[in-house]
């Protein structure tokens, strides 16, 4: 579609300003089950989100048809849409910022050009290697999920922006069995560099996680000193990422309402939103409204410094947008808890009687973003005198989000990005309530 033609025709029909946001995705999905290629899919999709100000109202239309012949129908639908809107909010088409950061390390052309057959072979090698490591490995499902995304924004105020990213998740899930027990384990690597997909390390980590968990049992209910494994804490943070949205705050759906510039965590807690993170498929130089993104500390050494804003929430709070307007909502790009200097083993040495939580489940159903209370199923290992002991399962850890952040005692240096896209190191907290035997 000729965007200039669309802009010209909308102006003729009485639109004052118009914005076009185009998103194109190419996805590759490979799954190998028990050595056999079970799934191989390539999918391409694209959509155009058109917004325009018509008689003081924001009209919008989403289409997957990009030809000039569809322009009259698009304009007609947008006018109809405007007539049905009763929002009192003044519409905004953004004029742009003086500077946009040039993203680095988020699109790897060489990675995109690797032959698909080589990627299938990579997954099969991971599958085979996992099987080879231990006879107790009974079932393996390996996967590779790659995404390339291109986003473009043009508007009648002269703004023209484009971002392109690519990356993949590479990992496996296993089931191991012995004479008396059965356990599962899952792990992955997220990157857009083939060299990062270390089959030997990944397969060993997965098998070790699973086999060490054999024979896991619940511990007596009590309060225990806790260390969260890096990706387990990332999963936990993902359940509460919505509390930083100014939209949720303004609607009374966040426990952080009214807490700006107050202490909500310990001095060890610095949580950032990094839209420029290398190898991050969510990295962006601009949001869906055309606002320049920026690196920001949501929590700085325990103090809540900002909410995340789009143009509308920023206007309501009389502040500037933080560049977090995505898909009509407010959302982070790449949330990351900054690491400390200690190793994971250093954290273990501080615990005489506690638990190392390696996995939490039900994080998105067992967490309340308004009260901050959570109750999550968990598994891991007993820690005695700084050493990992017997595996633990069938337990529930309970607490409150803010209380937990305030009780962070130490943060390790072993950062990892979880399946949910949150980057975190391992974290030692104070005593938490654990329900078990």
Protein backbone atom coordinates (compact mmCIF):
# COMPACT_ATOMS: atom_id res chain seq x y z
CA UNK A 1 0.00 0.00 0.00
CA UNK A 2 1.18 3.49 -0.80
CA UNK A 3 1.14 5.15 2.62
CA UNK A 4 1.25 8.65 1.14
CA UNK A 5 -1.88 7.87 -0.86
CA UNK A 6 -3.63 6.68 2.30
CA UNK A 7 -2.64 9.87 4.12
CA UNK A 8 -3.87 12.02 1.23
CA UNK A 9 -7.24 10.26 1.00
CA UNK A 10 -7.86 10.36 4.77
CA UNK A 11 -7.15 14.10 4.76
CA UNK A 12 -9.72 14.57 1.98
CA UNK A 13 -12.29 12.80 4.17
CA UNK A 14 -11.72 15.08 7.17
CA UNK A 15 -9.05 13.29 9.20
CA UNK A 16 -6.67 15.71 10.89
CA UNK A 17 -3.83 13.26 11.63
CA UNK A 18 -3.24 9.61 10.78
CA UNK A 19 -0.71 7.00 11.89
CA UNK A 20 0.15 3.65 10.31
CA UNK A 21 1.89 0.92 12.31
CA UNK A 22 2.96 -2.16 10.35
CA UNK A 23 4.15 -5.34 12.03
CA UNK A 24 5.60 -8.25 10.08
CA UNK A 25 6.58 -11.58 11.62
CA UNK A 26 8.34 -14.65 10.29
CA UNK A 27 8.32 -17.60 12.66
CA UNK A 28 10.07 -20.96 12.48
CA UNK A 29 9.09 -23.79 14.82
CA UNK A 30 10.92 -27.13 15.05
CA UNK A 31 10.14 -29.96 17.48
CA UNK A 32 11.92 -33.30 17.76
CA UNK A 33 10.31 -36.00 19.89
CA UNK A 34 12.30 -39.11 20.74
CA UNK A 35 14.70 -38.53 17.87
CA UNK A 36 12.04 -37.96 15.21
CA UNK A 37 11.10 -34.66 13.60
CA UNK A 38 7.56 -34.10 14.87
CA UNK A 39 6.96 -30.49 13.86
CA UNK A 40 8.41 -28.16 11.25
CA UNK A 41 6.50 -24.99 10.52
CA UNK A 42 7.31 -21.69 8.86
CA UNK A 43 4.69 -18.98 9.23
CA UNK A 44 4.65 -15.42 7.98
CA UNK A 45 2.14 -12.80 9.03
CA UNK A 46 1.75 -9.07 8.78
CA UNK A 47 -0.80 -6.54 9.94
CA UNK A 48 -1.40 -2.83 9.60
CA UNK A 49 -2.89 -0.83 12.47
CA UNK A 50 -4.22 2.50 11.21
CA UNK A 51 -5.22 5.21 13.68
CA UNK A 52 -6.64 8.58 12.79
CA UNK A 53 -8.19 11.60 14.45
CA UNK A 54 -11.67 12.22 13.05
CA UNK A 55 -13.93 14.93 14.49
CA UNK A 56 -11.98 14.90 17.72
CA UNK A 57 -12.11 11.14 18.19
CA UNK A 58 -9.48 8.45 17.66
CA UNK A 59 -10.62 6.02 14.99
CA UNK A 60 -8.73 2.81 14.29
CA UNK A 61 -8.72 -0.11 11.90
CA UNK A 62 -6.59 -3.23 11.65
CA UNK A 63 -6.11 -5.03 8.35
CA UNK A 64 -3.92 -7.65 6.72
CA UNK A 65 -4.74 -6.37 3.23
CA UNK A 66 -2.09 -3.94 2.01
CA UNK A 67 -3.28 -2.85 -1.45
CA UNK A 68 -4.36 0.61 -2.58
CA UNK A 69 -7.76 -0.70 -3.65
CA UNK A 70 -8.67 -1.26 0.01
CA UNK A 71 -8.09 2.40 1.02
CA UNK A 72 -11.72 3.57 0.50
CA UNK A 73 -13.04 0.68 2.62
CA UNK A 74 -10.47 1.39 5.34
CA UNK A 75 -11.50 5.04 5.54
CA UNK A 76 -15.20 4.13 5.63
CA UNK A 77 -14.64 1.65 8.48
CA UNK A 78 -12.58 4.17 10.43
CA UNK A 79 -15.31 6.81 10.15
CA UNK A 80 -17.84 4.27 11.41
CA UNK A 81 -15.49 3.37 14.23
CA UNK A 82 -15.13 7.01 15.25
CA UNK A 83 -18.89 7.34 15.50
CA UNK A 84 -19.05 4.52 18.02
CA UNK A 85 -16.38 5.95 20.34
CA UNK A 86 -17.51 7.71 23.50
CA UNK A 87 -14.15 8.04 25.26
CA UNK A 88 -13.56 11.48 26.82
CA UNK A 89 -9.79 11.17 26.29
CA UNK A 90 -8.30 13.55 23.74
CA UNK A 91 -6.72 11.56 20.88
CA UNK A 92 -2.97 11.81 20.31
CA UNK A 93 -0.87 11.28 17.20
CA UNK A 94 2.72 11.75 18.33
CA UNK A 95 5.02 14.16 16.51
CA UNK A 96 8.18 12.30 17.53
CA UNK A 97 11.29 12.79 19.64
CA UNK A 98 14.55 14.54 18.87
CA UNK A 99 16.59 11.34 19.19
CA UNK A 100 16.03 7.62 18.77
CA UNK A 101 18.68 5.10 19.83
CA UNK A 102 20.13 2.95 17.06
CA UNK A 103 19.64 -0.64 18.24
CA UNK A 104 22.68 -2.91 18.24
CA UNK A 105 22.88 -6.68 18.49
CA UNK A 106 19.14 -7.27 18.12
CA UNK A 107 19.13 -8.35 14.45
CA UNK A 108 21.74 -10.83 13.23
CA UNK A 109 21.62 -11.21 9.44
CA UNK A 110 23.97 -14.22 9.50
CA UNK A 111 21.71 -15.95 12.04
CA UNK A 112 18.68 -15.42 9.80
CA UNK A 113 20.50 -16.93 6.83
CA UNK A 114 21.43 -20.25 8.50
CA UNK A 115 19.88 -23.08 6.51
CA UNK A 116 16.75 -24.60 8.04
CA UNK A 117 18.22 -28.09 7.65
CA UNK A 118 21.10 -27.03 9.89
CA UNK A 119 18.63 -25.84 12.52
CA UNK A 120 16.76 -29.15 12.38
CA UNK A 121 20.09 -30.97 12.75
CA UNK A 122 20.89 -28.81 15.79
CA UNK A 123 17.66 -29.87 17.51
CA UNK A 124 18.24 -33.53 16.69
CA UNK A 125 21.77 -33.34 18.12
CA UNK A 126 20.41 -31.89 21.37
CA UNK A 127 17.80 -34.64 21.53
CA UNK A 128 20.41 -37.35 20.98
CA UNK A 129 22.86 -35.86 23.47
CA UNK A 130 20.24 -35.72 26.24
CA UNK A 131 19.47 -39.41 25.71
CA UNK A 132 23.15 -40.33 25.83
CA UNK A 133 23.85 -38.70 29.18
CA UNK A 134 21.91 -40.99 31.51
CA UNK A 135 20.02 -44.30 31.11
CA UNK A 136 17.26 -42.95 33.35
CA UNK A 137 16.27 -40.47 30.62
CA UNK A 138 13.12 -41.99 29.16
CA UNK A 139 11.43 -39.23 27.15
CA UNK A 140 12.91 -36.20 25.42
CA UNK A 141 11.23 -33.40 23.50
CA UNK A 142 13.63 -30.85 22.00
CA UNK A 143 12.61 -27.63 20.30
CA UNK A 144 13.77 -24.58 18.39
CA UNK A 145 11.48 -21.56 18.05
CA UNK A 146 12.76 -18.63 15.97
CA UNK A 147 11.11 -15.29 15.33
CA UNK A 148 12.03 -12.37 13.07
CA UNK A 149 10.04 -9.18 13.53
CA UNK A 150 10.00 -5.96 11.54
CA UNK A 151 7.95 -2.96 12.72
CA UNK A 152 7.42 0.29 10.85
CA UNK A 153 5.61 3.45 11.95
CA UNK A 154 4.65 6.39 9.71
CA UNK A 155 2.34 9.29 10.50
CA UNK A 156 1.15 12.53 8.96
CA UNK A 157 3.33 14.53 11.36
CA UNK A 158 6.36 13.35 9.40
CA UNK A 159 7.48 10.53 11.68
CA UNK A 160 9.10 7.52 9.95
CA UNK A 161 10.57 4.76 12.13
CA UNK A 162 11.66 1.14 11.72
CA UNK A 163 13.02 -1.65 13.96
CA UNK A 164 14.03 -5.21 13.12
CA UNK A 165 14.86 -8.00 15.57
CA UNK A 166 15.44 -11.73 15.47
CA UNK A 167 16.17 -14.49 17.94
CA UNK A 168 15.33 -18.02 18.99
CA UNK A 169 14.56 -20.21 21.98
CA UNK A 170 16.45 -23.51 21.94
CA UNK A 171 15.88 -26.16 24.58
CA UNK A 172 14.36 -29.43 25.72
CA UNK A 173 12.09 -31.07 28.24
CA UNK A 174 12.87 -34.50 29.65
CA UNK A 175 11.27 -37.20 31.76
CA UNK A 176 13.57 -39.37 33.86
CA UNK A 177 12.62 -42.48 35.80
CA UNK A 178 14.17 -44.83 38.29
CA UNK A 179 12.65 -47.78 40.17
CA UNK A 180 10.65 -45.59 42.53
CA UNK A 181 10.18 -42.10 41.05
CA UNK A 182 9.70 -40.02 37.93
CA UNK A 183 10.71 -36.38 37.42
CA UNK A 184 10.77 -33.79 34.64
CA UNK A 185 13.07 -30.92 33.79
CA UNK A 186 13.04 -28.09 31.26
CA UNK A 187 15.63 -25.55 30.21
CA UNK A 188 16.40 -23.29 27.27
CA UNK A 189 18.75 -20.71 25.80
CA UNK A 190 17.51 -17.47 24.20
CA UNK A 191 19.80 -15.80 21.67
CA UNK A 192 20.39 -14.72 18.07
CA UNK A 193 23.94 -16.08 18.00
CA UNK A 194 24.39 -19.71 16.97
CA UNK A 195 27.55 -19.94 19.11
CA UNK A 196 25.41 -19.41 22.23
CA UNK A 197 23.51 -22.67 21.66
CA UNK A 198 25.92 -24.91 23.55
CA UNK A 199 24.46 -28.41 23.23
CA UNK A 200 26.79 -30.06 25.74
CA UNK A 201 26.18 -27.55 28.54
CA UNK A 202 22.45 -27.29 27.93
CA UNK A 203 21.88 -31.05 27.78
CA UNK A 204 23.97 -31.64 30.90
CA UNK A 205 22.07 -28.96 32.82
CA UNK A 206 18.70 -30.43 31.86
CA UNK A 207 19.61 -34.01 32.72
CA UNK A 208 21.27 -32.99 35.98
CA UNK A 209 18.19 -31.01 37.02
CA UNK A 210 15.94 -33.98 36.36
CA UNK A 211 18.05 -36.78 37.86
CA UNK A 212 18.97 -34.85 40.99
CA UNK A 213 15.24 -34.31 41.65
CA UNK A 214 14.52 -38.06 41.77
CA UNK A 215 13.21 -39.04 45.19
CA UNK A 216 12.07 -35.50 46.03
CA UNK A 217 9.72 -35.19 48.99
CA UNK A 218 8.04 -32.41 50.90
CA UNK A 219 9.72 -30.87 53.93
CA UNK A 220 7.89 -30.05 57.19
CA UNK A 221 5.89 -26.82 57.09
CA UNK A 222 7.94 -24.01 58.58
CA UNK A 223 9.66 -20.70 57.86
CA UNK A 224 12.85 -21.25 55.84
CA UNK A 225 15.66 -19.10 54.53
CA UNK A 226 15.25 -19.18 50.76
CA UNK A 227 17.45 -18.88 47.68
CA UNK A 228 15.62 -18.59 44.36
CA UNK A 229 17.39 -19.94 41.27
CA UNK A 230 17.80 -17.25 38.58
CA UNK A 231 15.11 -18.39 36.14
CA UNK A 232 12.75 -19.32 38.99
CA UNK A 233 12.94 -15.76 40.30
CA UNK A 234 12.46 -14.49 36.74
CA UNK A 235 9.27 -16.53 36.50
CA UNK A 236 8.15 -15.10 39.83
CA UNK A 237 8.81 -11.51 38.64
CA UNK A 238 6.84 -12.14 35.46
CA UNK A 239 3.71 -12.68 37.54
CA UNK A 240 3.99 -9.16 38.99
CA UNK A 241 5.32 -7.16 36.02
CA UNK A 242 1.88 -5.63 35.49
CA UNK A 243 2.05 -3.76 38.82
CA UNK A 244 4.46 -1.26 37.21
CA UNK A 245 1.94 -0.26 34.52
CA UNK A 246 0.62 3.26 35.09
CA UNK A 247 -2.64 2.14 33.50
CA UNK A 248 -3.12 -0.49 36.22
CA UNK A 249 -2.05 2.00 38.87
CA UNK A 250 -4.59 4.59 37.67
CA UNK A 251 -7.33 1.95 37.63
CA UNK A 252 -6.52 0.85 41.18
CA UNK A 253 -5.31 -2.56 39.99
CA UNK A 254 -1.75 -2.33 41.29
CA UNK A 255 -0.40 -2.59 44.82
CA UNK A 256 2.14 0.13 43.92
CA UNK A 257 -0.46 2.90 43.68
CA UNK A 258 0.71 5.94 45.63
CA UNK A 259 4.15 4.48 46.34
CA UNK A 260 6.39 6.47 43.97
CA UNK A 261 9.66 7.53 45.63
CA UNK A 262 9.06 5.18 48.55
CA UNK A 263 11.12 2.16 49.55
CA UNK A 264 9.55 -1.08 48.29
CA UNK A 265 12.68 -3.26 48.27
CA UNK A 266 16.05 -3.72 49.88
CA UNK A 267 19.15 -1.85 48.74
CA UNK A 268 20.09 -4.92 46.67
CA UNK A 269 17.04 -4.57 44.40
CA UNK A 270 17.46 -2.58 41.20
CA UNK A 271 14.91 -3.55 38.55
CA UNK A 272 15.27 -1.99 35.09
CA UNK A 273 13.41 -1.92 31.81
CA UNK A 274 16.06 -2.14 29.09
CA UNK A 275 14.64 -1.66 25.57
CA UNK A 276 18.15 -1.80 24.07
CA UNK A 277 19.15 -5.21 25.44
CA UNK A 278 21.25 -7.10 22.90
CA UNK A 279 19.79 -10.37 21.60
CA UNK A 280 16.40 -9.33 22.98
CA UNK A 281 13.50 -9.96 20.60
CA UNK A 282 11.44 -7.43 22.59
CA UNK A 283 14.06 -4.69 22.24
CA UNK A 284 12.76 -1.55 20.53
CA UNK A 285 13.95 1.98 19.78
CA UNK A 286 10.35 3.27 19.73
CA UNK A 287 7.02 2.06 21.04
CA UNK A 288 3.83 1.51 19.04
CA UNK A 289 2.91 5.20 19.50
CA UNK A 290 6.21 6.48 18.09
CA UNK A 291 7.69 7.54 21.44
CA UNK A 292 11.43 6.95 21.82
CA UNK A 293 12.12 4.17 24.28
CA UNK A 294 14.64 4.64 27.06
CA UNK A 295 16.52 2.66 29.67
CA UNK A 296 14.90 3.21 33.03
CA UNK A 297 15.22 2.03 36.62
CA UNK A 298 11.79 1.11 37.93
CA UNK A 299 13.27 0.26 41.30
CA UNK A 300 16.62 1.85 42.19
CA UNK A 301 18.34 0.27 45.20
CA UNK A 302 14.94 -0.47 46.68
CA UNK A 303 13.16 2.80 45.85
CA UNK A 304 10.29 2.88 43.34
CA UNK A 305 11.32 5.57 40.83
CA UNK A 306 8.75 5.40 38.03
CA UNK A 307 5.75 3.67 36.57
CA UNK A 308 5.63 2.61 32.93
CA UNK A 309 3.64 5.01 30.75
CA UNK A 310 2.12 5.34 27.33
CA UNK A 311 0.93 8.71 25.98
CA UNK A 312 -2.51 8.52 27.60
CA UNK A 313 -1.40 7.51 31.10
CA UNK A 314 1.42 10.06 30.96
CA UNK A 315 -1.06 12.84 30.16
CA UNK A 316 -3.25 11.81 33.09
CA UNK A 317 -0.27 11.92 35.47
CA UNK A 318 1.17 15.06 33.82
CA UNK A 319 4.47 13.37 33.03
CA UNK A 320 6.26 12.24 29.87
CA UNK A 321 5.62 8.86 28.32
CA UNK A 322 8.32 6.32 29.14
CA UNK A 323 7.94 4.75 25.70
CA UNK A 324 6.01 1.70 26.89
CA UNK A 325 2.88 1.92 24.77
CA UNK A 326 2.56 -1.46 23.05
CA UNK A 327 -0.47 -3.03 21.38
CA UNK A 328 -2.81 -0.50 22.92
CA UNK A 329 -1.60 -1.21 26.45
CA UNK A 330 1.29 -0.39 28.78
CA UNK A 331 4.00 -3.03 28.99
CA UNK A 332 7.73 -3.40 29.65
CA UNK A 333 10.25 -4.35 26.97
CA UNK A 334 12.97 -6.32 28.77
CA UNK A 335 12.60 -6.40 32.56
CA UNK A 336 15.88 -7.21 34.27
CA UNK A 337 16.95 -7.48 37.91
CA UNK A 338 20.53 -6.22 38.01
CA UNK A 339 23.09 -8.73 39.32
CA UNK A 340 25.40 -8.44 42.29
CA UNK A 341 28.99 -9.62 42.61
CA UNK A 342 28.52 -12.85 44.59
CA UNK A 343 28.47 -16.29 43.01
CA UNK A 344 25.61 -18.71 43.56
CA UNK A 345 27.92 -20.77 45.76
CA UNK A 346 28.59 -17.65 47.87
CA UNK A 347 24.85 -17.47 48.49
CA UNK A 348 24.75 -21.14 49.53
CA UNK A 349 27.49 -20.56 52.10
CA UNK A 350 25.29 -18.09 53.97
CA UNK A 351 22.52 -20.65 54.60
CA UNK A 352 22.65 -23.08 57.51
CA UNK A 353 19.12 -24.42 57.22
CA UNK A 354 17.09 -23.40 54.20
CA UNK A 355 15.79 -24.20 50.73
CA UNK A 356 17.07 -23.63 47.20
CA UNK A 357 13.98 -23.09 45.03
CA UNK A 358 14.71 -24.15 41.45
CA UNK A 359 11.17 -24.02 40.07
CA UNK A 360 7.90 -22.24 40.82
CA UNK A 361 4.59 -23.15 39.22
CA UNK A 362 1.28 -21.38 38.91
CA UNK A 363 2.92 -17.95 39.04
CA UNK A 364 0.23 -16.36 36.89
CA UNK A 365 -2.69 -17.83 38.82
CA UNK A 366 -1.32 -17.87 42.36
CA UNK A 367 -0.30 -14.21 42.49
CA UNK A 368 -2.56 -11.22 43.27
CA UNK A 369 -1.31 -7.98 41.64
CA UNK A 370 -3.56 -5.80 43.79
CA UNK A 371 -2.64 -7.14 47.23
CA UNK A 372 0.76 -8.51 46.24
CA UNK A 373 0.04 -11.80 47.99
CA UNK A 374 1.19 -15.04 46.38
CA UNK A 375 1.08 -18.76 47.05
CA UNK A 376 3.09 -20.81 44.57
CA UNK A 377 3.91 -24.47 44.17
CA UNK A 378 7.66 -24.99 44.27
CA UNK A 379 10.44 -27.54 44.16
CA UNK A 380 14.17 -27.51 44.79
CA UNK A 381 16.66 -28.74 47.38
CA UNK A 382 17.38 -28.57 51.08
CA UNK A 383 20.42 -26.48 52.04
CA UNK A 384 22.35 -27.59 55.15
CA UNK A 385 25.47 -25.75 56.27
CA UNK A 386 25.97 -24.23 52.84
CA UNK A 387 25.60 -27.52 50.95
CA UNK A 388 22.76 -28.81 48.77
CA UNK A 389 21.16 -31.93 50.20
CA UNK A 390 18.03 -33.92 49.36
CA UNK A 391 15.58 -32.78 46.66
CA UNK A 392 12.29 -31.18 47.66
CA UNK A 393 8.88 -31.19 45.95
CA UNK A 394 5.19 -30.83 46.79
CA UNK A 395 5.72 -27.61 48.75
CA UNK A 396 4.11 -24.19 48.55
CA UNK A 397 5.90 -20.90 49.20
CA UNK A 398 3.75 -17.98 50.34
CA UNK A 399 4.28 -14.31 50.99
CA UNK A 400 3.82 -10.80 49.67
CA UNK A 401 5.61 -9.24 46.67
CA UNK A 402 6.73 -6.04 48.41
CA UNK A 403 7.66 -7.84 51.62
CA UNK A 404 9.77 -10.27 49.60
CA UNK A 405 11.58 -7.45 47.75
CA UNK A 406 12.28 -5.72 51.04
CA UNK A 407 13.70 -8.96 52.42
CA UNK A 408 16.23 -9.56 49.62
CA UNK A 409 19.56 -10.16 51.37
CA UNK A 410 21.87 -10.86 48.46
CA UNK A 411 21.85 -11.00 44.67
CA UNK A 412 24.18 -13.27 42.70
CA UNK A 413 25.95 -12.66 39.38
CA UNK A 414 24.47 -15.60 37.42
CA UNK A 415 21.95 -13.81 35.21
CA UNK A 416 19.62 -15.81 32.96
CA UNK A 417 16.61 -14.90 30.83
CA UNK A 418 13.61 -17.07 31.64
CA UNK A 419 11.00 -18.47 29.27
CA UNK A 420 8.79 -15.47 30.14
CA UNK A 421 11.47 -13.01 28.98
CA UNK A 422 12.47 -11.72 32.42
CA UNK A 423 16.22 -11.58 33.13
CA UNK A 424 17.31 -12.27 36.70
CA UNK A 425 20.19 -13.59 38.79
CA UNK A 426 19.70 -15.97 41.72
CA UNK A 427 18.42 -14.19 44.82
CA UNK A 428 18.73 -14.89 48.56
CA UNK A 429 15.83 -13.69 50.68
CA UNK A 430 15.01 -13.97 54.35
CA UNK A 431 12.64 -16.47 55.87
CA UNK A 432 9.51 -17.39 53.94
CA UNK A 433 6.49 -19.44 54.90
CA UNK A 434 6.65 -22.92 53.35
CA UNK A 435 3.80 -25.41 53.46
CA UNK A 436 4.81 -29.04 53.16
CA UNK A 437 4.33 -32.05 55.37
